[in-house]
N, C-alpha and C. Protein backbone atom coordinates (compact mmCIF):
# COMPACT_ATOMS: atom_id res chain seq x y z
N MET A 1 -108.28 51.63 -45.13
CA MET A 1 -107.95 52.73 -45.86
C MET A 1 -106.54 52.58 -46.63
N ASP A 2 -106.44 53.00 -47.67
CA ASP A 2 -105.14 52.89 -48.36
C ASP A 2 -103.93 53.82 -47.87
N PHE A 3 -102.85 53.16 -47.38
CA PHE A 3 -101.84 53.99 -46.71
C PHE A 3 -101.13 55.12 -47.60
N LYS A 4 -101.13 54.59 -48.94
CA LYS A 4 -100.40 55.67 -50.04
C LYS A 4 -101.50 56.97 -49.93
N PHE A 5 -102.91 56.67 -50.02
CA PHE A 5 -103.77 57.74 -50.23
C PHE A 5 -103.54 58.79 -48.92
N LEU A 6 -103.58 57.98 -47.64
CA LEU A 6 -103.50 58.84 -46.46
C LEU A 6 -102.09 59.62 -46.54
N THR A 7 -101.02 59.05 -46.75
CA THR A 7 -99.78 59.75 -46.83
C THR A 7 -99.78 60.92 -47.83
N ARG A 8 -100.28 60.57 -48.96
CA ARG A 8 -100.56 61.66 -50.09
C ARG A 8 -101.23 62.77 -49.48
N THR A 9 -102.41 62.49 -49.00
CA THR A 9 -103.20 63.55 -48.43
C THR A 9 -102.59 64.48 -47.32
N VAL A 10 -101.80 63.77 -46.40
CA VAL A 10 -101.08 64.49 -45.48
C VAL A 10 -100.11 65.40 -46.02
N VAL A 11 -99.31 64.81 -46.96
CA VAL A 11 -98.10 65.74 -47.61
C VAL A 11 -98.81 66.96 -48.43
N LEU A 12 -100.02 66.74 -48.99
CA LEU A 12 -100.70 67.67 -49.71
C LEU A 12 -101.06 68.84 -48.69
N ALA A 13 -101.74 68.39 -47.66
CA ALA A 13 -102.15 69.42 -46.66
C ALA A 13 -100.95 70.16 -46.14
N MET A 14 -99.99 69.47 -45.75
CA MET A 14 -98.85 70.28 -45.15
C MET A 14 -98.27 71.14 -46.16
N THR A 15 -98.14 70.76 -47.39
CA THR A 15 -97.56 71.79 -48.35
C THR A 15 -98.53 72.90 -48.61
N GLY A 16 -99.85 72.78 -48.65
CA GLY A 16 -100.73 73.83 -48.83
C GLY A 16 -100.77 74.83 -47.53
N SER A 17 -100.52 74.19 -46.35
CA SER A 17 -100.52 75.14 -45.17
C SER A 17 -99.25 75.95 -45.26
N VAL A 18 -98.07 75.37 -45.61
CA VAL A 18 -96.88 76.04 -45.74
C VAL A 18 -96.99 77.29 -46.72
N VAL A 19 -97.60 76.88 -47.82
CA VAL A 19 -97.71 77.99 -48.91
C VAL A 19 -98.60 79.23 -48.27
N MET A 20 -99.69 78.65 -47.64
CA MET A 20 -100.62 79.58 -47.14
C MET A 20 -100.01 80.60 -46.06
N VAL A 21 -99.00 80.07 -45.18
CA VAL A 21 -98.46 80.68 -44.18
C VAL A 21 -97.43 81.82 -44.92
N SER A 22 -96.77 81.43 -45.75
CA SER A 22 -95.76 82.26 -46.33
C SER A 22 -96.62 83.42 -47.06
N ALA A 23 -97.74 82.99 -47.69
CA ALA A 23 -98.38 84.01 -48.50
C ALA A 23 -99.04 85.14 -47.38
N HIS A 24 -99.35 84.79 -46.25
CA HIS A 24 -99.92 85.63 -45.36
C HIS A 24 -98.76 86.44 -44.51
N ALA A 25 -97.31 85.95 -44.57
CA ALA A 25 -96.39 86.59 -44.02
C ALA A 25 -95.88 87.87 -44.63
N GLN A 26 -96.84 88.88 -44.65
CA GLN A 26 -96.64 90.15 -45.29
C GLN A 26 -96.65 91.38 -44.38
N TRP A 27 -95.69 92.12 -44.46
CA TRP A 27 -95.77 93.31 -43.61
C TRP A 27 -96.12 94.47 -44.39
N GLN A 28 -96.88 95.46 -43.84
CA GLN A 28 -97.24 96.62 -44.64
C GLN A 28 -97.22 97.81 -43.68
N TRP A 29 -96.31 98.88 -44.08
CA TRP A 29 -96.26 100.17 -43.29
C TRP A 29 -96.17 101.30 -44.03
N LEU A 30 -96.36 102.51 -43.31
CA LEU A 30 -96.23 103.83 -44.02
C LEU A 30 -94.67 104.30 -43.62
N ASP A 31 -93.96 104.58 -44.77
CA ASP A 31 -92.53 105.10 -44.48
C ASP A 31 -92.60 106.48 -44.03
N ASN A 32 -91.42 107.16 -44.02
CA ASN A 32 -91.27 108.58 -43.40
C ASN A 32 -92.13 109.44 -44.47
N ASP A 33 -92.00 109.14 -45.68
CA ASP A 33 -92.63 110.14 -46.74
C ASP A 33 -94.20 109.77 -46.89
N GLY A 34 -94.73 108.81 -46.12
CA GLY A 34 -96.10 108.58 -46.15
C GLY A 34 -96.42 107.52 -47.27
N ARG A 35 -95.52 106.80 -47.80
CA ARG A 35 -95.82 105.86 -48.95
C ARG A 35 -96.01 104.42 -48.36
N LYS A 36 -96.91 103.71 -48.86
CA LYS A 36 -97.04 102.42 -48.34
C LYS A 36 -95.90 101.43 -48.76
N VAL A 37 -95.38 100.65 -47.83
CA VAL A 37 -94.38 99.80 -47.86
C VAL A 37 -94.82 98.37 -47.80
N PHE A 38 -94.61 97.40 -48.75
CA PHE A 38 -94.92 96.02 -48.54
C PHE A 38 -93.72 95.32 -48.52
N SER A 39 -93.61 94.09 -47.55
CA SER A 39 -92.37 93.56 -47.56
C SER A 39 -92.75 92.17 -46.85
N ASP A 40 -91.76 91.16 -46.89
CA ASP A 40 -91.96 89.86 -46.23
C ASP A 40 -91.08 90.13 -44.91
N ARG A 41 -90.33 91.21 -44.73
CA ARG A 41 -89.57 91.36 -43.44
C ARG A 41 -90.11 92.46 -42.69
N PRO A 42 -89.97 92.50 -41.47
CA PRO A 42 -90.51 93.60 -40.45
C PRO A 42 -89.78 94.93 -40.93
N PRO A 43 -90.54 96.00 -40.77
CA PRO A 43 -90.07 97.35 -40.89
C PRO A 43 -88.79 97.62 -40.13
N PRO A 44 -88.08 98.67 -40.57
CA PRO A 44 -86.88 99.09 -39.84
C PRO A 44 -87.20 99.59 -38.44
N PRO A 45 -86.31 99.61 -37.49
CA PRO A 45 -86.57 100.13 -36.08
C PRO A 45 -87.04 101.48 -36.07
N HIS A 46 -86.71 102.31 -36.86
CA HIS A 46 -87.19 103.73 -36.73
C HIS A 46 -88.63 103.94 -37.06
N ILE A 47 -89.28 102.88 -37.72
CA ILE A 47 -90.82 102.98 -37.98
C ILE A 47 -91.54 102.87 -36.70
N PRO A 48 -92.37 103.77 -36.38
CA PRO A 48 -93.14 103.63 -35.12
C PRO A 48 -94.39 102.77 -35.21
N GLN A 49 -94.73 102.12 -34.19
CA GLN A 49 -95.76 101.11 -34.21
C GLN A 49 -97.02 101.55 -34.94
N LYS A 50 -97.47 102.86 -34.71
CA LYS A 50 -98.65 103.47 -35.25
C LYS A 50 -98.66 103.39 -36.89
N SER A 51 -97.43 103.29 -37.44
CA SER A 51 -97.43 103.36 -38.84
C SER A 51 -97.35 102.03 -39.40
N ILE A 52 -97.42 100.87 -38.80
CA ILE A 52 -97.48 99.65 -39.25
C ILE A 52 -98.91 99.14 -39.43
N LEU A 53 -99.24 99.04 -40.71
CA LEU A 53 -100.72 98.80 -41.06
C LEU A 53 -101.01 97.28 -40.91
N LYS A 54 -100.01 96.39 -41.35
CA LYS A 54 -100.34 94.97 -41.25
C LYS A 54 -99.07 94.18 -40.89
N GLU A 55 -99.38 93.24 -39.84
CA GLU A 55 -98.37 92.34 -39.67
C GLU A 55 -98.75 91.02 -40.16
N PRO A 56 -97.74 90.05 -40.30
CA PRO A 56 -98.06 88.60 -40.56
C PRO A 56 -98.75 88.00 -39.23
N GLY A 57 -99.31 86.80 -39.32
CA GLY A 57 -100.00 86.08 -38.16
C GLY A 57 -99.02 85.87 -37.09
N PHE A 58 -97.84 85.52 -37.31
CA PHE A 58 -96.80 85.24 -36.34
C PHE A 58 -96.15 86.57 -35.97
N LYS A 59 -95.94 86.76 -34.87
CA LYS A 59 -95.25 88.11 -34.33
C LYS A 59 -93.83 87.87 -34.28
N ALA A 60 -93.00 88.38 -35.20
CA ALA A 60 -91.58 88.52 -35.17
C ALA A 60 -91.11 89.55 -34.13
N PRO A 61 -90.19 89.13 -33.46
CA PRO A 61 -89.63 90.30 -32.49
C PRO A 61 -89.03 91.50 -33.02
N ARG A 62 -89.52 92.72 -32.64
CA ARG A 62 -88.94 93.97 -33.25
C ARG A 62 -87.86 94.46 -32.36
N PRO A 63 -86.84 94.90 -33.03
CA PRO A 63 -85.80 95.28 -31.94
C PRO A 63 -86.42 96.54 -31.20
N PHE A 64 -86.11 96.53 -29.92
CA PHE A 64 -86.50 97.55 -29.23
C PHE A 64 -85.70 98.84 -29.14
N GLN A 65 -86.29 100.00 -28.72
CA GLN A 65 -85.75 101.27 -28.78
C GLN A 65 -85.64 101.78 -27.40
N GLY A 66 -84.58 102.31 -26.80
CA GLY A 66 -84.70 103.03 -25.56
C GLY A 66 -84.87 102.10 -24.52
N VAL A 67 -84.89 102.76 -23.28
CA VAL A 67 -85.08 102.11 -21.82
C VAL A 67 -86.25 101.92 -21.40
N ALA A 68 -86.89 100.92 -21.20
CA ALA A 68 -88.26 100.83 -20.65
C ALA A 68 -88.34 99.85 -19.54
N SER A 69 -88.59 100.23 -18.44
CA SER A 69 -88.80 99.79 -17.01
C SER A 69 -87.49 98.58 -16.80
N GLY A 70 -86.40 99.38 -16.78
CA GLY A 70 -85.15 98.57 -16.38
C GLY A 70 -84.60 97.78 -17.40
N THR A 71 -85.12 97.78 -18.83
CA THR A 71 -84.50 96.88 -19.72
C THR A 71 -83.16 97.63 -20.18
N PRO A 72 -82.23 96.73 -20.37
CA PRO A 72 -80.94 97.32 -20.68
C PRO A 72 -80.96 97.90 -22.06
N VAL A 73 -80.20 98.92 -22.46
CA VAL A 73 -80.15 99.42 -23.87
C VAL A 73 -79.19 98.51 -24.54
N PRO A 74 -79.34 97.94 -25.88
CA PRO A 74 -78.48 97.31 -26.59
C PRO A 74 -77.02 98.00 -26.76
N ALA A 75 -76.08 97.19 -27.00
CA ALA A 75 -74.77 97.80 -27.15
C ALA A 75 -74.50 98.56 -28.41
N VAL A 76 -75.34 98.26 -29.45
CA VAL A 76 -75.40 98.92 -30.61
C VAL A 76 -76.28 100.23 -30.51
N SER A 77 -75.71 101.40 -30.83
CA SER A 77 -76.59 102.48 -30.71
C SER A 77 -77.45 102.76 -31.98
N ALA A 78 -78.51 103.48 -31.86
CA ALA A 78 -79.30 103.66 -32.98
C ALA A 78 -78.68 104.18 -34.25
N PRO A 79 -77.86 105.32 -34.15
CA PRO A 79 -77.03 105.81 -35.18
C PRO A 79 -76.32 104.91 -35.95
N ALA A 80 -75.67 103.87 -35.16
CA ALA A 80 -74.75 102.92 -35.70
C ALA A 80 -75.49 102.04 -36.48
N ALA A 81 -76.68 101.51 -36.00
CA ALA A 81 -77.57 100.71 -36.69
C ALA A 81 -78.19 101.30 -37.90
N ASN A 82 -78.60 102.53 -37.85
CA ASN A 82 -79.09 103.19 -39.02
C ASN A 82 -78.06 103.28 -40.18
N ALA A 83 -76.88 103.49 -39.57
CA ALA A 83 -75.64 103.62 -40.59
C ALA A 83 -75.39 102.39 -41.39
N SER A 84 -75.57 101.38 -40.94
CA SER A 84 -75.31 99.95 -41.64
C SER A 84 -76.51 99.69 -42.47
N MET A 85 -77.60 100.17 -42.31
CA MET A 85 -78.74 99.96 -43.13
C MET A 85 -78.72 100.89 -44.46
N PRO A 86 -79.08 100.17 -45.63
CA PRO A 86 -78.72 100.91 -46.80
C PRO A 86 -79.93 102.03 -46.82
N LYS A 87 -79.58 103.26 -47.36
CA LYS A 87 -80.49 104.38 -47.41
C LYS A 87 -81.20 104.25 -48.79
N LEU A 88 -82.62 104.25 -48.55
CA LEU A 88 -83.37 104.22 -49.74
C LEU A 88 -83.96 105.66 -49.93
N SER A 89 -84.05 106.01 -51.28
CA SER A 89 -84.45 107.48 -51.46
C SER A 89 -85.99 107.37 -51.78
N GLY A 90 -86.46 106.14 -51.86
CA GLY A 90 -87.91 106.19 -52.15
C GLY A 90 -88.24 106.54 -53.57
N ARG A 91 -87.31 106.64 -54.45
CA ARG A 91 -87.62 106.94 -55.83
C ARG A 91 -87.13 105.85 -56.70
N ASP A 92 -87.61 105.65 -57.84
CA ASP A 92 -87.13 104.77 -58.80
C ASP A 92 -86.99 105.36 -59.92
N ALA A 93 -85.58 105.49 -60.24
CA ALA A 93 -85.02 106.32 -61.43
C ALA A 93 -85.64 105.79 -62.65
N GLU A 94 -85.74 104.37 -62.91
CA GLU A 94 -86.32 104.00 -64.07
C GLU A 94 -87.69 104.43 -64.28
N LEU A 95 -88.50 104.24 -63.22
CA LEU A 95 -89.80 104.59 -63.31
C LEU A 95 -90.11 106.26 -63.73
N GLU A 96 -89.17 106.95 -63.02
CA GLU A 96 -89.31 108.37 -63.30
C GLU A 96 -88.96 108.75 -64.84
N ALA A 97 -87.93 107.90 -65.29
CA ALA A 97 -87.47 108.28 -66.69
C ALA A 97 -88.56 107.64 -67.54
N ARG A 98 -89.21 106.65 -67.30
CA ARG A 98 -90.26 106.17 -68.18
C ARG A 98 -91.49 107.25 -68.08
N LYS A 99 -91.74 107.69 -66.94
CA LYS A 99 -92.84 108.81 -66.84
C LYS A 99 -92.49 110.09 -67.67
N LYS A 100 -91.32 110.45 -67.54
CA LYS A 100 -90.90 111.61 -68.42
C LYS A 100 -90.94 111.22 -69.99
N GLN A 101 -90.52 110.06 -70.27
CA GLN A 101 -90.66 109.72 -71.57
C GLN A 101 -92.04 109.57 -72.04
N ALA A 102 -92.94 109.20 -71.32
CA ALA A 102 -94.38 108.99 -71.63
C ALA A 102 -94.96 110.57 -71.73
N GLU A 103 -94.57 111.31 -70.95
CA GLU A 103 -94.94 112.78 -70.91
C GLU A 103 -94.59 113.49 -72.07
N ALA A 104 -93.20 113.29 -72.59
CA ALA A 104 -92.59 113.85 -73.70
C ALA A 104 -93.50 113.27 -74.95
N LEU A 105 -93.82 112.05 -74.94
CA LEU A 105 -94.63 111.45 -76.08
C LEU A 105 -95.76 111.96 -76.13
N GLU A 106 -96.52 112.15 -75.04
CA GLU A 106 -97.84 112.83 -75.04
C GLU A 106 -97.68 114.30 -75.52
N GLU A 107 -96.78 115.04 -74.94
CA GLU A 107 -96.54 116.37 -75.54
C GLU A 107 -96.22 116.46 -77.08
N SER A 108 -95.47 115.54 -77.59
CA SER A 108 -95.26 115.53 -78.98
C SER A 108 -96.55 115.23 -79.80
N LYS A 109 -97.35 114.37 -79.26
CA LYS A 109 -98.64 114.02 -79.94
C LYS A 109 -99.51 115.35 -79.85
N LYS A 110 -99.63 115.95 -78.82
CA LYS A 110 -100.35 117.08 -78.77
C LYS A 110 -99.89 118.18 -79.71
N GLN A 111 -98.49 118.34 -79.89
CA GLN A 111 -98.04 119.40 -80.80
C GLN A 111 -98.27 118.93 -82.28
N ALA A 112 -98.16 117.59 -82.45
CA ALA A 112 -98.42 117.25 -83.82
C ALA A 112 -99.89 117.47 -84.20
N GLU A 113 -100.71 117.34 -83.23
CA GLU A 113 -102.18 117.52 -83.46
C GLU A 113 -102.51 119.03 -83.64
N ALA A 114 -101.83 119.85 -82.84
CA ALA A 114 -101.92 121.37 -83.08
C ALA A 114 -101.53 121.67 -84.42
N GLU A 115 -100.27 121.07 -84.79
CA GLU A 115 -99.91 121.54 -86.13
C GLU A 115 -100.66 121.12 -87.13
N LYS A 116 -101.33 119.85 -87.00
CA LYS A 116 -102.22 119.34 -88.08
C LYS A 116 -103.46 120.22 -88.27
N LEU A 117 -103.99 120.68 -86.92
CA LEU A 117 -105.14 121.48 -86.99
C LEU A 117 -104.88 122.86 -87.66
N ALA A 118 -103.60 123.37 -87.32
CA ALA A 118 -103.25 124.59 -87.88
C ALA A 118 -103.03 124.59 -89.40
N SER A 119 -102.61 123.42 -89.85
CA SER A 119 -102.28 123.26 -91.31
C SER A 119 -103.64 123.30 -91.98
N ALA A 120 -104.69 122.40 -91.41
CA ALA A 120 -106.08 122.49 -91.89
C ALA A 120 -106.74 123.88 -91.97
N ARG A 121 -106.61 124.48 -90.90
CA ARG A 121 -107.17 126.03 -90.95
C ARG A 121 -106.51 126.78 -91.98
N ALA A 122 -105.16 126.69 -92.11
CA ALA A 122 -104.64 127.58 -93.21
C ALA A 122 -105.08 127.30 -94.48
N GLU A 123 -105.20 125.99 -94.79
CA GLU A 123 -105.85 125.48 -96.14
C GLU A 123 -107.22 125.90 -96.29
N ASN A 124 -108.20 125.71 -95.20
CA ASN A 124 -109.50 126.18 -95.30
C ASN A 124 -109.59 127.84 -95.75
N CYS A 125 -108.65 128.64 -95.08
CA CYS A 125 -108.60 129.94 -95.11
C CYS A 125 -108.28 130.18 -96.51
N GLU A 126 -107.25 129.59 -97.18
CA GLU A 126 -106.67 129.80 -98.60
C GLU A 126 -107.83 129.47 -99.54
N ARG A 127 -108.62 128.41 -99.27
CA ARG A 127 -109.80 128.07 -100.17
C ARG A 127 -110.92 129.08 -100.12
N ALA A 128 -111.18 129.48 -98.88
CA ALA A 128 -112.13 130.57 -98.61
C ALA A 128 -111.83 131.82 -99.46
N LYS A 129 -110.71 132.37 -99.30
CA LYS A 129 -110.07 133.37 -99.97
C LYS A 129 -110.32 133.39 -101.52
N LYS A 130 -109.78 132.01 -101.99
CA LYS A 130 -109.93 131.91 -103.43
C LYS A 130 -111.30 131.85 -103.90
N GLY A 131 -112.11 131.21 -103.13
CA GLY A 131 -113.71 131.08 -103.65
C GLY A 131 -114.26 132.67 -103.38
N GLN A 132 -114.00 133.53 -102.48
CA GLN A 132 -114.42 134.84 -102.52
C GLN A 132 -113.86 135.64 -103.67
N ALA A 133 -112.78 135.44 -104.04
CA ALA A 133 -112.16 136.21 -105.15
C ALA A 133 -112.77 135.71 -106.36
N THR A 134 -113.14 134.66 -106.50
CA THR A 134 -113.75 134.06 -107.76
C THR A 134 -115.12 134.60 -107.77
N LEU A 135 -116.04 134.64 -106.65
CA LEU A 135 -117.35 135.17 -106.57
C LEU A 135 -117.35 136.61 -106.87
N LYS A 136 -116.35 137.33 -106.31
CA LYS A 136 -116.29 138.85 -106.44
C LYS A 136 -115.93 139.20 -108.08
N SER A 137 -115.33 138.35 -108.66
CA SER A 137 -114.83 138.52 -109.91
C SER A 137 -115.95 138.73 -111.09
N GLY A 138 -117.28 138.28 -110.69
CA GLY A 138 -118.37 138.35 -111.53
C GLY A 138 -118.43 137.24 -112.59
N VAL A 139 -117.57 136.46 -112.61
CA VAL A 139 -117.63 135.21 -113.61
C VAL A 139 -118.77 134.20 -113.23
N ARG A 140 -119.42 133.80 -114.44
CA ARG A 140 -120.63 132.92 -114.17
C ARG A 140 -119.98 131.76 -113.53
N ILE A 141 -120.52 131.14 -112.54
CA ILE A 141 -120.04 129.94 -111.85
C ILE A 141 -121.27 128.96 -111.95
N ALA A 142 -120.82 127.75 -112.61
CA ALA A 142 -121.78 126.64 -112.71
C ALA A 142 -121.43 125.53 -111.50
N ILE A 143 -122.65 125.14 -111.12
CA ILE A 143 -122.65 124.06 -110.09
C ILE A 143 -123.44 122.88 -110.66
N THR A 144 -123.30 121.73 -109.90
CA THR A 144 -124.09 120.58 -110.26
C THR A 144 -125.03 120.32 -109.26
N ASN A 145 -126.18 120.15 -109.90
CA ASN A 145 -127.40 120.00 -108.74
C ASN A 145 -127.56 118.35 -108.40
N ALA A 146 -128.59 118.03 -107.68
CA ALA A 146 -128.80 116.76 -107.10
C ALA A 146 -128.93 115.77 -108.30
N LYS A 147 -129.61 116.24 -109.45
CA LYS A 147 -129.74 115.32 -110.45
C LYS A 147 -128.46 115.16 -111.47
N GLY A 148 -127.59 115.83 -111.16
CA GLY A 148 -126.37 115.82 -111.87
C GLY A 148 -126.39 116.73 -113.01
N GLU A 149 -127.28 117.71 -113.13
CA GLU A 149 -127.37 118.64 -114.14
C GLU A 149 -126.58 119.97 -113.77
N ARG A 150 -125.96 120.51 -114.87
CA ARG A 150 -125.27 121.84 -114.57
C ARG A 150 -126.14 123.00 -114.52
N GLU A 151 -125.93 123.73 -113.46
CA GLU A 151 -126.76 125.00 -113.16
C GLU A 151 -125.86 126.24 -113.11
N PHE A 152 -126.26 127.33 -113.41
CA PHE A 152 -125.45 128.46 -113.01
C PHE A 152 -125.82 129.18 -111.86
N MET A 153 -124.98 129.79 -111.01
CA MET A 153 -125.48 130.48 -109.86
C MET A 153 -126.23 131.78 -110.07
N ASP A 154 -127.42 132.08 -109.50
CA ASP A 154 -128.06 133.26 -109.69
C ASP A 154 -127.46 134.09 -108.45
N ASP A 155 -128.00 135.34 -108.49
CA ASP A 155 -127.45 136.38 -107.43
C ASP A 155 -127.77 135.83 -106.07
N GLY A 156 -128.85 135.51 -105.84
CA GLY A 156 -129.09 134.88 -104.37
C GLY A 156 -128.23 133.61 -103.98
N ALA A 157 -128.00 132.85 -104.90
CA ALA A 157 -127.08 131.63 -104.42
C ALA A 157 -125.56 132.20 -104.39
N ARG A 158 -125.35 133.40 -105.13
CA ARG A 158 -123.89 133.89 -105.04
C ARG A 158 -123.78 134.50 -103.69
N SER A 159 -124.96 135.19 -103.26
CA SER A 159 -124.82 136.03 -101.94
C SER A 159 -124.65 135.03 -100.92
N VAL A 160 -125.44 133.92 -100.85
CA VAL A 160 -125.37 132.97 -99.81
C VAL A 160 -124.03 132.36 -99.71
N GLU A 161 -123.45 131.95 -100.87
CA GLU A 161 -122.07 131.40 -100.95
C GLU A 161 -120.99 132.27 -100.50
N THR A 162 -121.25 133.67 -100.75
CA THR A 162 -120.31 134.70 -100.28
C THR A 162 -120.34 134.75 -98.82
N LYS A 163 -121.57 134.80 -98.12
CA LYS A 163 -121.67 134.72 -96.82
C LYS A 163 -120.99 133.57 -96.07
N ARG A 164 -121.13 132.41 -96.75
CA ARG A 164 -120.66 131.14 -96.05
C ARG A 164 -119.11 131.15 -96.09
N LEU A 165 -118.49 131.58 -97.31
CA LEU A 165 -116.98 131.74 -97.35
C LEU A 165 -116.49 132.77 -96.48
N GLN A 166 -117.18 133.87 -96.22
CA GLN A 166 -116.73 134.95 -95.47
C GLN A 166 -116.73 134.39 -93.91
N SER A 167 -117.78 133.62 -93.42
CA SER A 167 -117.71 133.03 -92.09
C SER A 167 -116.58 132.05 -92.05
N ILE A 168 -116.15 131.25 -92.98
CA ILE A 168 -115.00 130.39 -92.94
C ILE A 168 -113.76 131.23 -92.93
N ALA A 169 -113.67 132.30 -93.64
CA ALA A 169 -112.65 133.25 -93.63
C ALA A 169 -112.46 133.79 -92.27
N ASP A 170 -113.52 134.27 -91.82
CA ASP A 170 -113.30 134.85 -90.49
C ASP A 170 -112.86 134.00 -89.17
N SER A 171 -113.31 132.64 -89.35
CA SER A 171 -112.97 131.71 -88.23
C SER A 171 -111.67 131.07 -88.54
N ASP A 172 -111.21 130.92 -89.78
CA ASP A 172 -109.87 130.07 -89.94
C ASP A 172 -108.72 131.03 -90.34
N CYS A 173 -109.04 132.26 -90.72
CA CYS A 173 -107.95 133.23 -91.23
C CYS A 173 -107.48 133.98 -89.79
N ALA A 174 -108.41 134.04 -88.94
CA ALA A 174 -107.89 134.93 -87.75
C ALA A 174 -106.74 134.21 -86.94
N LYS A 175 -105.76 134.91 -86.60
CA LYS A 175 -104.62 134.40 -86.15
C LYS A 175 -104.33 134.96 -84.78
């Protein structure tokens, strides 16, 4: 067997195992607010064991709390240890700003759509009123049929058109 091949195989296997071990070294726990936290470091000492959802394959020693079966209490008290730890609010200001910006954009889109709809309704109302005024004036109205020929509206067609325009006016002119 070739020595280079064997060496290369061993090096690749070791590299792969190191990568796999570091990929599995993930901690997962619930913080005080109930949110999931993912980290490559163990949770802070104030997180109870029941809140730890996932630990890496190897067990890192957790700092102990209190006295258990004659074990001495550490020299650093819990308040002093907590004071040295950075306080995290659990909120991401940039994320919240983006959410507010997205909500504002969505609200402006809705408002623009509502204004567009109101403008279309006002235009339909105006056209319906003008059409009704024209029909009520008694002027002969010519329309173009399917063949492209010009025809004048008779009383039946005028009545149907008046009812149609009245329904448009009722729906679009009501404020």
